[in-house]
Amino acid sequence: YGCAVEIVHAASLVLDDLPCMDDATLRRGATALHLAHGEDAAVLVSIALLNQAHRTVLDVDDLTPEQRLGLMNELTSAVGFSGLAHGQVRDLRDGAEARTEAGLRRLNHLKTGALIVAALRGGGIIGGATAAQLEALTRFGDCIGFAFQLSDDLADATSTAETLGKDVAQDRDKLTFVDLWGAGRVRAAVRQAVNRAEDALATDSLGDNGLGDYVRGLLLNVGAAR
């Protein structure tokens, strides 16, 4: 299931980089796929990847029918009208307009948090989590998704393409939390979001699993949780 989530993420990046969207030239330190192989190939690869993500879940042998259905529900919800696709439309169409803080939070959830939540809830479904534990994982994912999007905004404004392996200043025509709050407050908000995420796990016997420390370490590596 983790592979399926990563495949969805890869498909979303290929689409994000297209000229009709973010018009990026660099991805993961290499030339963006549409520049290397053409826009037609990029679109078709994205479709194939999304299909492969579903195929990956269907091909797992040791899942119950209920688990398989639950995983497919999580994955499709994260991609479609209640997830990545919705968030990308809002980002493209509303990016040049003034946004409220609440609107930015909603956008961040759709573009980033939804897939993180799906990954966490999927793991919970496979592991036999209770309804309360799944809800705790949802809260954890929402907080971590917010922290990661803040980190991405911060990196876009303050880092270099050589460091990130992707284009920077992609958000220059859009309002972000760096614009609203400044870099210092954004870093503080990242720390607060990670703390809230850890609190969410602690309430339902999920606290002693290393997830919070792992995420905090990732954010420290990009300088966002200092």
Foldseek 3Di string as FASTA:
>chain_A
DVVLLVLLVVLLVLVCCDPLHLVWQWDQQDGRPCVVPNPVVSNVSSVVSNVVSLVVLVPDDPDDPVLSVLLVVLVVCCVDCNAQVVLRVCCRPCFLPDDDPVRQLSSLCRNFLSSQLSVQLSVCSVVVHDPLQNVLSSLLSSLLSLLVVLLVLLCLVPHDCVVVRIHHPSSVSGDDVCNVPNLVVSLVSSQVSLVSSLVSCVVRVRNPDCPSVVSLVVSVVSPSND
